[in-house]
Amino acid sequence: MAGIPTAFKIHIVLSFVFWMVFPFTRLVHVISVPLAYLRRAPIPYRSRVRFRSEP
């Protein structure tokens, strides 16, 4: 490691830090791809206006 440029050493250290911190961030959700979401049925939405009672 003595002959490696400083910029590359910093790059290696930052990548190690990233992989140590990664499980504790929201970025971990990138790993869980919601494939079931793509195949599910659409949710029927109804207007609330029809269900309101008139005073």
N, C-alpha and C. Protein backbone atom coordinates (compact mmCIF):
# COMPACT_ATOMS: atom_id res chain seq x y z
N MET A 1 0.82 -1.20 0.00
CA MET A 1 0.00 0.00 0.00
C MET A 1 0.86 1.26 0.00
N ALA A 2 2.13 1.12 0.18
CA ALA A 2 2.98 2.32 0.25
C ALA A 2 3.08 3.03 -1.09
N GLY A 3 3.02 2.28 -2.19
CA GLY A 3 3.19 2.90 -3.51
C GLY A 3 1.90 3.37 -4.14
N ILE A 4 0.78 3.21 -3.48
CA ILE A 4 -0.51 3.59 -4.03
C ILE A 4 -0.75 5.08 -3.80
N PRO A 5 -1.32 5.79 -4.79
CA PRO A 5 -1.59 7.22 -4.64
C PRO A 5 -2.56 7.51 -3.49
N THR A 6 -2.42 8.67 -2.90
CA THR A 6 -3.24 9.08 -1.75
C THR A 6 -4.73 9.13 -2.11
N ALA A 7 -5.04 9.59 -3.31
CA ALA A 7 -6.45 9.68 -3.73
C ALA A 7 -7.10 8.29 -3.73
N PHE A 8 -6.35 7.27 -4.15
CA PHE A 8 -6.89 5.92 -4.17
C PHE A 8 -7.07 5.38 -2.75
N LYS A 9 -6.16 5.72 -1.85
CA LYS A 9 -6.28 5.31 -0.45
C LYS A 9 -7.54 5.92 0.18
N ILE A 10 -7.77 7.20 -0.11
CA ILE A 10 -8.96 7.87 0.40
C ILE A 10 -10.22 7.21 -0.17
N HIS A 11 -10.17 6.87 -1.43
CA HIS A 11 -11.29 6.20 -2.08
C HIS A 11 -11.59 4.86 -1.39
N ILE A 12 -10.58 4.09 -1.08
CA ILE A 12 -10.75 2.80 -0.41
C ILE A 12 -11.33 3.00 0.99
N VAL A 13 -10.80 3.94 1.74
CA VAL A 13 -11.28 4.18 3.11
C VAL A 13 -12.74 4.65 3.08
N LEU A 14 -13.10 5.53 2.17
CA LEU A 14 -14.47 6.00 2.07
C LEU A 14 -15.43 4.89 1.66
N SER A 15 -14.98 3.99 0.82
CA SER A 15 -15.85 2.86 0.46
C SER A 15 -16.06 1.93 1.65
N PHE A 16 -15.04 1.70 2.46
CA PHE A 16 -15.20 0.90 3.67
C PHE A 16 -16.17 1.57 4.64
N VAL A 17 -16.05 2.87 4.79
CA VAL A 17 -16.95 3.61 5.68
C VAL A 17 -18.38 3.52 5.16
N PHE A 18 -18.55 3.67 3.86
CA PHE A 18 -19.88 3.57 3.26
C PHE A 18 -20.51 2.21 3.54
N TRP A 19 -19.77 1.13 3.36
CA TRP A 19 -20.33 -0.21 3.57
C TRP A 19 -20.55 -0.51 5.05
N MET A 20 -19.84 0.17 5.93
CA MET A 20 -20.10 0.00 7.37
C MET A 20 -21.37 0.74 7.78
N VAL A 21 -21.63 1.90 7.20
CA VAL A 21 -22.76 2.73 7.57
C VAL A 21 -24.03 2.34 6.79
N PHE A 22 -23.89 1.75 5.64
CA PHE A 22 -24.99 1.43 4.73
C PHE A 22 -26.17 0.72 5.39
N PRO A 23 -25.97 -0.32 6.21
CA PRO A 23 -27.13 -1.02 6.80
C PRO A 23 -27.96 -0.16 7.76
N PHE A 24 -27.41 0.93 8.24
CA PHE A 24 -28.10 1.77 9.21
C PHE A 24 -28.72 3.02 8.58
N THR A 25 -28.77 3.07 7.25
CA THR A 25 -29.35 4.21 6.55
C THR A 25 -30.58 3.78 5.79
N ARG A 26 -31.27 4.73 5.23
CA ARG A 26 -32.44 4.41 4.40
C ARG A 26 -32.02 3.84 3.05
N LEU A 27 -30.77 3.95 2.71
CA LEU A 27 -30.30 3.41 1.44
C LEU A 27 -30.44 1.90 1.36
N VAL A 28 -30.57 1.23 2.50
CA VAL A 28 -30.71 -0.22 2.51
C VAL A 28 -32.00 -0.64 1.81
N HIS A 29 -32.97 0.26 1.68
CA HIS A 29 -34.22 -0.06 1.00
C HIS A 29 -34.02 -0.25 -0.50
N VAL A 30 -32.89 0.16 -1.02
CA VAL A 30 -32.59 -0.06 -2.43
C VAL A 30 -32.47 -1.55 -2.71
N ILE A 31 -32.03 -2.31 -1.73
CA ILE A 31 -31.83 -3.75 -1.90
C ILE A 31 -33.16 -4.48 -2.00
N SER A 32 -34.17 -4.05 -1.26
CA SER A 32 -35.46 -4.74 -1.26
C SER A 32 -36.34 -4.20 -2.38
N VAL A 33 -36.34 -4.88 -3.49
CA VAL A 33 -37.12 -4.47 -4.64
C VAL A 33 -38.54 -5.01 -4.47
N PRO A 34 -39.56 -4.15 -4.47
CA PRO A 34 -40.93 -4.61 -4.24
C PRO A 34 -41.57 -5.21 -5.49
N LEU A 35 -41.20 -6.42 -5.85
CA LEU A 35 -41.74 -7.05 -7.05
C LEU A 35 -43.22 -7.38 -6.90
N ALA A 36 -43.67 -7.75 -5.71
CA ALA A 36 -45.08 -8.03 -5.51
C ALA A 36 -45.93 -6.79 -5.74
N TYR A 37 -45.39 -5.63 -5.51
CA TYR A 37 -46.10 -4.37 -5.73
C TYR A 37 -46.49 -4.21 -7.20
N LEU A 38 -45.66 -4.69 -8.09
CA LEU A 38 -45.93 -4.55 -9.52
C LEU A 38 -47.07 -5.45 -9.98
N ARG A 39 -47.30 -6.57 -9.27
CA ARG A 39 -48.31 -7.54 -9.70
C ARG A 39 -49.62 -7.42 -8.94
N ARG A 40 -49.72 -6.57 -7.94
CA ARG A 40 -50.93 -6.51 -7.14
C ARG A 40 -52.04 -5.77 -7.87
N ALA A 41 -53.28 -6.04 -7.44
CA ALA A 41 -54.44 -5.40 -8.06
C ALA A 41 -54.49 -3.93 -7.65
N PRO A 42 -55.02 -3.10 -8.52
CA PRO A 42 -55.13 -1.69 -8.16
C PRO A 42 -56.13 -1.48 -7.03
N ILE A 43 -55.92 -0.46 -6.23
CA ILE A 43 -56.80 -0.15 -5.11
C ILE A 43 -57.91 0.76 -5.63
N PRO A 44 -59.17 0.34 -5.46
CA PRO A 44 -60.27 1.21 -5.93
C PRO A 44 -60.48 2.37 -4.96
N TYR A 45 -60.43 3.57 -5.45
CA TYR A 45 -60.65 4.75 -4.63
C TYR A 45 -62.03 5.30 -4.94
N ARG A 46 -62.75 5.67 -3.88
CA ARG A 46 -64.08 6.24 -4.05
C ARG A 46 -64.06 7.67 -3.51
N SER A 47 -64.90 8.48 -4.05
CA SER A 47 -64.98 9.86 -3.62
C SER A 47 -65.67 9.93 -2.27
N ARG A 48 -65.20 10.77 -1.38
CA ARG A 48 -65.80 10.94 -0.06
C ARG A 48 -67.04 11.85 -0.13
N VAL A 49 -67.20 12.59 -1.18
CA VAL A 49 -68.31 13.51 -1.31
C VAL A 49 -69.62 12.75 -1.26
N ARG A 50 -69.71 11.61 -1.88
CA ARG A 50 -70.92 10.82 -1.93
C ARG A 50 -71.32 10.29 -0.57
N PHE A 51 -70.36 10.09 0.34
CA PHE A 51 -70.61 9.49 1.62
C PHE A 51 -70.85 10.51 2.74
N ARG A 52 -70.70 11.79 2.47
CA ARG A 52 -70.92 12.80 3.50
C ARG A 52 -72.41 12.99 3.75
N SER A 53 -72.74 13.22 5.00
CA SER A 53 -74.15 13.50 5.30
C SER A 53 -74.37 14.99 5.24
N GLU A 54 -75.48 15.37 4.69
CA GLU A 54 -75.81 16.79 4.57
C GLU A 54 -76.40 17.29 5.89
N PRO A 55 -75.99 18.44 6.40
CA PRO A 55 -76.54 18.96 7.67
C PRO A 55 -77.93 19.50 7.53
